[in-house]
Amino acid sequence: MIEVYIDGASAGNPGPSGAGVFINNNGVVERHSFPLGNMENHEAEYHALIKALEICVANKYQVVSFRTDSQAINQAIEKRFAKNKYGLLLERALKLSDDLDLFFMKWIPNIENKSADELARRAIRLNKAEENHEQDS
């Protein structure tokens, strides 16, 4: 079973945001940082979920166990429901998860999600670096 750890983060709410995805594929580790532009923290969490699912589908990972420290994301997946703008993001995630043979999510404490958190924070820095590069051009 492939273990996928996800985290979204924002420097401000809203502010520069990033998604971190840490994948353990039977001892082979993948690390992904995605700058997301400016958004709210919860929105970044959904984008981390979507990015991770896109990676799993693209790589034909069929049996995956997701871990998140976001109770909101975990509950939305369990209930298959989210309010407001998050509903569209959840719908996109659920469609991607339907392409997998086995998908489940488990809430974990922040301390157990450090790898994904570090990747999300790295993505925030990459986001800011991209902004500075655009301003210099």
N, C-alpha and C. Protein backbone atom coordinates (compact mmCIF):
# COMPACT_ATOMS: atom_id res chain seq x y z
N MET A 1 0.84 -1.18 0.00
CA MET A 1 0.00 0.00 0.00
C MET A 1 0.88 1.24 0.00
N ILE A 2 0.51 2.21 -0.81
CA ILE A 2 1.25 3.46 -0.91
C ILE A 2 0.70 4.44 0.10
N GLU A 3 1.60 5.07 0.87
CA GLU A 3 1.19 6.06 1.87
C GLU A 3 1.46 7.45 1.32
N VAL A 4 0.45 8.30 1.40
CA VAL A 4 0.53 9.66 0.87
C VAL A 4 0.22 10.63 2.01
N TYR A 5 1.15 11.53 2.29
CA TYR A 5 0.97 12.56 3.31
C TYR A 5 0.80 13.89 2.60
N ILE A 6 -0.24 14.64 2.99
CA ILE A 6 -0.52 15.92 2.32
C ILE A 6 -0.62 17.04 3.35
N ASP A 7 -0.26 18.25 2.88
CA ASP A 7 -0.45 19.44 3.71
C ASP A 7 -0.52 20.66 2.82
N GLY A 8 -1.36 21.59 3.20
CA GLY A 8 -1.44 22.90 2.56
C GLY A 8 -1.10 23.94 3.60
N ALA A 9 -0.49 25.04 3.17
CA ALA A 9 -0.11 26.09 4.11
C ALA A 9 -0.22 27.45 3.42
N SER A 10 -0.48 28.47 4.24
CA SER A 10 -0.54 29.85 3.75
C SER A 10 0.22 30.74 4.70
N ALA A 11 0.94 31.70 4.13
CA ALA A 11 1.62 32.73 4.93
C ALA A 11 0.68 33.93 4.95
N GLY A 12 -0.27 33.90 5.84
CA GLY A 12 -1.37 34.86 5.86
C GLY A 12 -2.63 34.10 5.46
N ASN A 13 -3.77 34.68 5.75
CA ASN A 13 -5.00 33.95 5.44
C ASN A 13 -6.03 34.93 4.87
N PRO A 14 -6.02 35.23 3.59
CA PRO A 14 -5.23 34.61 2.52
C PRO A 14 -3.82 35.17 2.45
N GLY A 15 -2.99 34.46 1.72
CA GLY A 15 -1.62 34.86 1.49
C GLY A 15 -0.93 33.88 0.58
N PRO A 16 0.38 34.08 0.34
CA PRO A 16 1.12 33.13 -0.48
C PRO A 16 0.96 31.72 0.10
N SER A 17 0.64 30.77 -0.77
CA SER A 17 0.28 29.43 -0.30
C SER A 17 1.05 28.36 -1.05
N GLY A 18 1.08 27.18 -0.43
CA GLY A 18 1.75 26.06 -1.06
C GLY A 18 1.15 24.74 -0.63
N ALA A 19 1.39 23.73 -1.44
CA ALA A 19 0.94 22.37 -1.14
C ALA A 19 2.16 21.47 -1.06
N GLY A 20 2.16 20.59 -0.07
CA GLY A 20 3.22 19.61 0.07
C GLY A 20 2.65 18.20 -0.01
N VAL A 21 3.33 17.34 -0.77
CA VAL A 21 2.91 15.95 -0.93
C VAL A 21 4.13 15.07 -0.72
N PHE A 22 4.03 14.18 0.25
CA PHE A 22 5.10 13.23 0.55
C PHE A 22 4.54 11.83 0.32
N ILE A 23 5.18 11.07 -0.55
CA ILE A 23 4.68 9.74 -0.91
C ILE A 23 5.73 8.69 -0.56
N ASN A 24 5.28 7.66 0.16
CA ASN A 24 6.13 6.51 0.44
C ASN A 24 5.56 5.33 -0.32
N ASN A 25 6.25 4.97 -1.40
CA ASN A 25 5.82 3.88 -2.27
C ASN A 25 6.70 2.67 -1.97
N ASN A 26 6.37 1.95 -0.91
CA ASN A 26 7.12 0.76 -0.49
C ASN A 26 8.61 1.05 -0.37
N GLY A 27 8.94 2.15 0.31
CA GLY A 27 10.32 2.52 0.56
C GLY A 27 10.91 3.51 -0.43
N VAL A 28 10.25 3.70 -1.57
CA VAL A 28 10.68 4.70 -2.54
C VAL A 28 9.92 5.99 -2.22
N VAL A 29 10.67 7.05 -1.89
CA VAL A 29 10.06 8.29 -1.43
C VAL A 29 10.00 9.32 -2.55
N GLU A 30 8.87 9.99 -2.62
CA GLU A 30 8.68 11.12 -3.54
C GLU A 30 8.32 12.34 -2.71
N ARG A 31 8.91 13.48 -3.07
CA ARG A 31 8.61 14.75 -2.39
C ARG A 31 8.20 15.78 -3.44
N HIS A 32 7.05 16.42 -3.19
CA HIS A 32 6.54 17.42 -4.14
C HIS A 32 6.14 18.68 -3.39
N SER A 33 6.56 19.84 -3.93
CA SER A 33 6.15 21.15 -3.41
C SER A 33 5.51 21.93 -4.56
N PHE A 34 4.30 22.43 -4.32
CA PHE A 34 3.55 23.14 -5.36
C PHE A 34 3.21 24.55 -4.88
N PRO A 35 3.81 25.59 -5.45
CA PRO A 35 3.37 26.96 -5.15
C PRO A 35 1.95 27.15 -5.69
N LEU A 36 1.09 27.80 -4.91
CA LEU A 36 -0.32 27.90 -5.29
C LEU A 36 -0.81 29.33 -5.51
N GLY A 37 0.04 30.32 -5.36
CA GLY A 37 -0.43 31.70 -5.44
C GLY A 37 -1.05 32.11 -4.12
N ASN A 38 -1.91 33.12 -4.14
CA ASN A 38 -2.55 33.60 -2.92
C ASN A 38 -3.90 32.93 -2.72
N MET A 39 -4.08 32.36 -1.54
CA MET A 39 -5.37 31.75 -1.18
C MET A 39 -5.42 31.53 0.33
N GLU A 40 -6.57 31.09 0.80
CA GLU A 40 -6.76 30.78 2.22
C GLU A 40 -6.14 29.42 2.53
N ASN A 41 -5.85 29.21 3.80
CA ASN A 41 -5.21 27.96 4.23
C ASN A 41 -6.07 26.73 3.89
N HIS A 42 -7.37 26.78 4.16
CA HIS A 42 -8.23 25.62 3.86
C HIS A 42 -8.22 25.30 2.38
N GLU A 43 -8.22 26.34 1.57
CA GLU A 43 -8.18 26.13 0.12
C GLU A 43 -6.88 25.45 -0.28
N ALA A 44 -5.77 25.86 0.34
CA ALA A 44 -4.47 25.22 0.06
C ALA A 44 -4.50 23.75 0.45
N GLU A 45 -5.19 23.42 1.54
CA GLU A 45 -5.31 22.01 1.96
C GLU A 45 -6.02 21.18 0.88
N TYR A 46 -7.09 21.74 0.31
CA TYR A 46 -7.80 21.02 -0.75
C TYR A 46 -6.91 20.86 -1.99
N HIS A 47 -6.16 21.89 -2.31
CA HIS A 47 -5.28 21.79 -3.47
C HIS A 47 -4.18 20.75 -3.24
N ALA A 48 -3.71 20.61 -2.01
CA ALA A 48 -2.72 19.57 -1.70
C ALA A 48 -3.33 18.19 -1.95
N LEU A 49 -4.57 18.01 -1.52
CA LEU A 49 -5.28 16.74 -1.75
C LEU A 49 -5.41 16.47 -3.25
N ILE A 50 -5.83 17.46 -4.01
CA ILE A 50 -6.02 17.29 -5.45
C ILE A 50 -4.70 16.99 -6.14
N LYS A 51 -3.65 17.74 -5.81
CA LYS A 51 -2.33 17.50 -6.42
C LYS A 51 -1.87 16.07 -6.13
N ALA A 52 -2.04 15.62 -4.91
CA ALA A 52 -1.62 14.26 -4.54
C ALA A 52 -2.41 13.21 -5.32
N LEU A 53 -3.71 13.42 -5.43
CA LEU A 53 -4.54 12.48 -6.19
C LEU A 53 -4.15 12.47 -7.67
N GLU A 54 -3.84 13.65 -8.22
CA GLU A 54 -3.40 13.71 -9.62
C GLU A 54 -2.11 12.91 -9.82
N ILE A 55 -1.19 13.01 -8.86
CA ILE A 55 0.06 12.24 -8.94
C ILE A 55 -0.25 10.75 -8.91
N CYS A 56 -1.11 10.35 -8.00
CA CYS A 56 -1.46 8.92 -7.87
C CYS A 56 -2.10 8.39 -9.15
N VAL A 57 -3.03 9.14 -9.72
CA VAL A 57 -3.71 8.71 -10.93
C VAL A 57 -2.71 8.65 -12.09
N ALA A 58 -1.88 9.69 -12.23
CA ALA A 58 -0.91 9.74 -13.33
C ALA A 58 0.09 8.58 -13.27
N ASN A 59 0.45 8.18 -12.04
CA ASN A 59 1.42 7.09 -11.86
C ASN A 59 0.77 5.72 -11.73
N LYS A 60 -0.55 5.70 -11.86
CA LYS A 60 -1.32 4.45 -11.78
C LYS A 60 -1.15 3.75 -10.42
N TYR A 61 -1.02 4.56 -9.37
CA TYR A 61 -1.04 4.00 -8.02
C TYR A 61 -2.50 3.66 -7.72
N GLN A 62 -2.79 2.43 -7.41
CA GLN A 62 -4.18 2.01 -7.27
C GLN A 62 -4.64 1.81 -5.83
N VAL A 63 -3.73 1.51 -4.93
CA VAL A 63 -4.09 1.27 -3.53
C VAL A 63 -3.32 2.28 -2.69
N VAL A 64 -4.03 3.32 -2.22
CA VAL A 64 -3.36 4.42 -1.53
C VAL A 64 -4.04 4.75 -0.21
N SER A 65 -3.21 5.08 0.76
CA SER A 65 -3.67 5.52 2.07
C SER A 65 -3.18 6.95 2.28
N PHE A 66 -4.11 7.88 2.35
CA PHE A 66 -3.76 9.29 2.54
C PHE A 66 -3.76 9.64 4.03
N ARG A 67 -2.87 10.56 4.38
CA ARG A 67 -2.78 11.08 5.75
C ARG A 67 -2.83 12.60 5.67
N THR A 68 -3.61 13.21 6.54
CA THR A 68 -3.70 14.67 6.61
C THR A 68 -3.80 15.10 8.07
N ASP A 69 -3.28 16.29 8.35
CA ASP A 69 -3.47 16.85 9.70
C ASP A 69 -4.63 17.85 9.71
N SER A 70 -5.35 17.93 8.59
CA SER A 70 -6.51 18.82 8.48
C SER A 70 -7.79 18.04 8.81
N GLN A 71 -8.39 18.37 9.94
CA GLN A 71 -9.64 17.71 10.30
C GLN A 71 -10.74 18.06 9.31
N ALA A 72 -10.70 19.29 8.77
CA ALA A 72 -11.73 19.71 7.81
C ALA A 72 -11.68 18.85 6.54
N ILE A 73 -10.48 18.60 6.05
CA ILE A 73 -10.33 17.76 4.84
C ILE A 73 -10.77 16.33 5.14
N ASN A 74 -10.31 15.81 6.26
CA ASN A 74 -10.65 14.43 6.63
C ASN A 74 -12.17 14.26 6.74
N GLN A 75 -12.83 15.20 7.41
CA GLN A 75 -14.28 15.12 7.58
C GLN A 75 -15.02 15.29 6.25
N ALA A 76 -14.50 16.18 5.39
CA ALA A 76 -15.14 16.38 4.09
C ALA A 76 -15.08 15.09 3.26
N ILE A 77 -13.94 14.41 3.30
CA ILE A 77 -13.81 13.14 2.57
C ILE A 77 -14.76 12.10 3.16
N GLU A 78 -14.80 12.00 4.50
CA GLU A 78 -15.68 11.01 5.15
C GLU A 78 -17.14 11.25 4.80
N LYS A 79 -17.58 12.52 4.86
CA LYS A 79 -18.98 12.86 4.63
C LYS A 79 -19.30 13.07 3.15
N ARG A 80 -18.22 13.21 2.35
CA ARG A 80 -18.36 13.52 0.93
C ARG A 80 -19.17 14.80 0.74
N PHE A 81 -18.87 15.78 1.60
CA PHE A 81 -19.57 17.07 1.57
C PHE A 81 -18.67 18.17 2.11
N ALA A 82 -18.71 19.32 1.45
CA ALA A 82 -18.03 20.53 1.93
C ALA A 82 -18.86 21.73 1.53
N LYS A 83 -18.81 22.77 2.35
CA LYS A 83 -19.59 23.98 2.11
C LYS A 83 -18.88 24.93 1.15
N ASN A 84 -19.69 25.82 0.58
CA ASN A 84 -19.22 26.96 -0.21
C ASN A 84 -18.29 26.56 -1.33
N LYS A 85 -17.24 27.35 -1.53
CA LYS A 85 -16.30 27.10 -2.64
C LYS A 85 -15.54 25.80 -2.47
N TYR A 86 -15.49 25.29 -1.26
CA TYR A 86 -14.77 24.05 -1.02
C TYR A 86 -15.50 22.85 -1.62
N GLY A 87 -16.79 22.99 -1.83
CA GLY A 87 -17.57 21.91 -2.43
C GLY A 87 -17.07 21.53 -3.82
N LEU A 88 -16.73 22.53 -4.62
CA LEU A 88 -16.21 22.25 -5.97
C LEU A 88 -14.85 21.57 -5.91
N LEU A 89 -14.01 22.00 -4.97
CA LEU A 89 -12.70 21.38 -4.81
C LEU A 89 -12.84 19.94 -4.34
N LEU A 90 -13.75 19.72 -3.40
CA LEU A 90 -13.99 18.36 -2.92
C LEU A 90 -14.52 17.48 -4.04
N GLU A 91 -15.43 18.01 -4.83
CA GLU A 91 -15.99 17.25 -5.95
C GLU A 91 -14.88 16.80 -6.90
N ARG A 92 -13.96 17.70 -7.19
CA ARG A 92 -12.82 17.37 -8.06
C ARG A 92 -11.97 16.26 -7.44
N ALA A 93 -11.71 16.37 -6.13
CA ALA A 93 -10.91 15.35 -5.43
C ALA A 93 -11.62 14.00 -5.44
N LEU A 94 -12.91 14.00 -5.19
CA LEU A 94 -13.65 12.74 -5.15
C LEU A 94 -13.67 12.06 -6.53
N LYS A 95 -13.79 12.87 -7.60
CA LYS A 95 -13.74 12.29 -8.95
C LYS A 95 -12.39 11.61 -9.20
N LEU A 96 -11.31 12.26 -8.77
CA LEU A 96 -9.98 11.67 -8.93
C LEU A 96 -9.85 10.40 -8.09
N SER A 97 -10.38 10.42 -6.88
CA SER A 97 -10.27 9.25 -6.00
C SER A 97 -11.04 8.06 -6.55
N ASP A 98 -12.08 8.33 -7.33
CA ASP A 98 -12.85 7.24 -7.95
C ASP A 98 -12.03 6.45 -8.98
N ASP A 99 -10.93 7.06 -9.46
CA ASP A 99 -10.06 6.37 -10.43
C ASP A 99 -9.12 5.38 -9.76
N LEU A 100 -9.13 5.34 -8.43
CA LEU A 100 -8.25 4.44 -7.68
C LEU A 100 -9.04 3.21 -7.23
N ASP A 101 -8.35 2.07 -7.13
CA ASP A 101 -9.02 0.85 -6.64
C ASP A 101 -9.38 0.96 -5.17
N LEU A 102 -8.46 1.52 -4.37
CA LEU A 102 -8.70 1.67 -2.94
C LEU A 102 -8.09 2.99 -2.49
N PHE A 103 -8.94 3.85 -1.92
CA PHE A 103 -8.52 5.15 -1.41
C PHE A 103 -9.14 5.34 -0.05
N PHE A 104 -8.32 5.65 0.93
CA PHE A 104 -8.89 6.08 2.20
C PHE A 104 -7.98 7.11 2.83
N MET A 105 -8.57 7.87 3.75
CA MET A 105 -7.85 8.96 4.40
C MET A 105 -7.94 8.80 5.90
N LYS A 106 -6.88 9.20 6.54
CA LYS A 106 -6.81 9.14 8.00
C LYS A 106 -6.27 10.47 8.51
N TRP A 107 -6.91 10.99 9.55
CA TRP A 107 -6.39 12.19 10.21
C TRP A 107 -5.23 11.79 11.11
N ILE A 108 -4.16 12.60 11.08
CA ILE A 108 -3.01 12.40 11.96
C ILE A 108 -2.66 13.72 12.62
N PRO A 109 -2.02 13.68 13.79
CA PRO A 109 -1.60 14.94 14.42
C PRO A 109 -0.48 15.61 13.61
N ASN A 110 -0.34 16.92 13.79
CA ASN A 110 0.67 17.70 13.07
C ASN A 110 2.06 17.09 13.16
N ILE A 111 2.41 16.59 14.32
CA ILE A 111 3.75 16.06 14.56
C ILE A 111 4.07 14.89 13.63
N GLU A 112 3.04 14.15 13.19
CA GLU A 112 3.24 13.01 12.31
C GLU A 112 3.20 13.40 10.83
N ASN A 113 2.99 14.69 10.56
CA ASN A 113 2.88 15.16 9.18
C ASN A 113 3.98 16.16 8.83
N LYS A 114 5.09 16.07 9.53
CA LYS A 114 6.17 17.05 9.35
C LYS A 114 6.73 17.08 7.93
N SER A 115 6.86 15.94 7.29
CA SER A 115 7.44 15.91 5.93
C SER A 115 6.58 16.70 4.96
N ALA A 116 5.27 16.47 4.97
CA ALA A 116 4.38 17.21 4.07
C ALA A 116 4.33 18.68 4.44
N ASP A 117 4.36 18.99 5.73
CA ASP A 117 4.35 20.37 6.19
C ASP A 117 5.58 21.12 5.68
N GLU A 118 6.74 20.50 5.80
CA GLU A 118 7.97 21.14 5.31
C GLU A 118 7.91 21.38 3.81
N LEU A 119 7.34 20.43 3.06
CA LEU A 119 7.20 20.60 1.62
C LEU A 119 6.23 21.73 1.27
N ALA A 120 5.15 21.87 2.04
CA ALA A 120 4.19 22.95 1.82
C ALA A 120 4.84 24.30 2.12
N ARG A 121 5.62 24.37 3.18
CA ARG A 121 6.30 25.63 3.53
C ARG A 121 7.37 25.98 2.49
N ARG A 122 8.02 24.96 1.96
CA ARG A 122 8.98 25.17 0.87
C ARG A 122 8.26 25.76 -0.34
N ALA A 123 7.06 25.26 -0.62
CA ALA A 123 6.27 25.76 -1.75
C ALA A 123 5.90 27.23 -1.56
N ILE A 124 5.63 27.63 -0.32
CA ILE A 124 5.34 29.05 -0.05
C ILE A 124 6.56 29.89 -0.43
N ARG A 125 7.74 29.43 -0.03
CA ARG A 125 8.96 30.16 -0.37
C ARG A 125 9.17 30.20 -1.88
N LEU A 126 8.89 29.10 -2.57
CA LEU A 126 8.99 29.07 -4.03
C LEU A 126 8.00 30.05 -4.65
N ASN A 127 6.82 30.13 -4.08
CA ASN A 127 5.79 31.05 -4.52
C ASN A 127 6.30 32.49 -4.43
N LYS A 128 6.90 32.83 -3.29
CA LYS A 128 7.43 34.18 -3.10
C LYS A 128 8.59 34.44 -4.04
N ALA A 129 9.43 33.44 -4.29
CA ALA A 129 10.56 33.59 -5.20
C ALA A 129 10.06 33.86 -6.62
N GLU A 130 8.98 33.17 -7.03
CA GLU A 130 8.41 33.39 -8.35
C GLU A 130 7.88 34.81 -8.48
N GLU A 131 7.23 35.33 -7.41
CA GLU A 131 6.73 36.70 -7.43
C GLU A 131 7.87 37.69 -7.59
N ASN A 132 8.95 37.48 -6.83
CA ASN A 132 10.10 38.38 -6.91
C ASN A 132 10.72 38.33 -8.30
N HIS A 133 10.78 37.16 -8.89
CA HIS A 133 11.36 37.00 -10.23
C HIS A 133 10.50 37.75 -11.25
N GLU A 134 9.18 37.66 -11.11
CA GLU A 134 8.29 38.35 -12.04
C GLU A 134 8.43 39.87 -11.90
N GLN A 135 8.63 40.36 -10.66
CA GLN A 135 8.79 41.79 -10.44
C GLN A 135 10.10 42.29 -11.03
N ASP A 136 11.13 41.46 -11.03
CA ASP A 136 12.44 41.85 -11.56
C ASP A 136 12.45 41.87 -13.09
N SER A 137 11.51 41.16 -13.71
CA SER A 137 11.50 41.06 -15.18
C SER A 137 10.95 42.30 -15.83
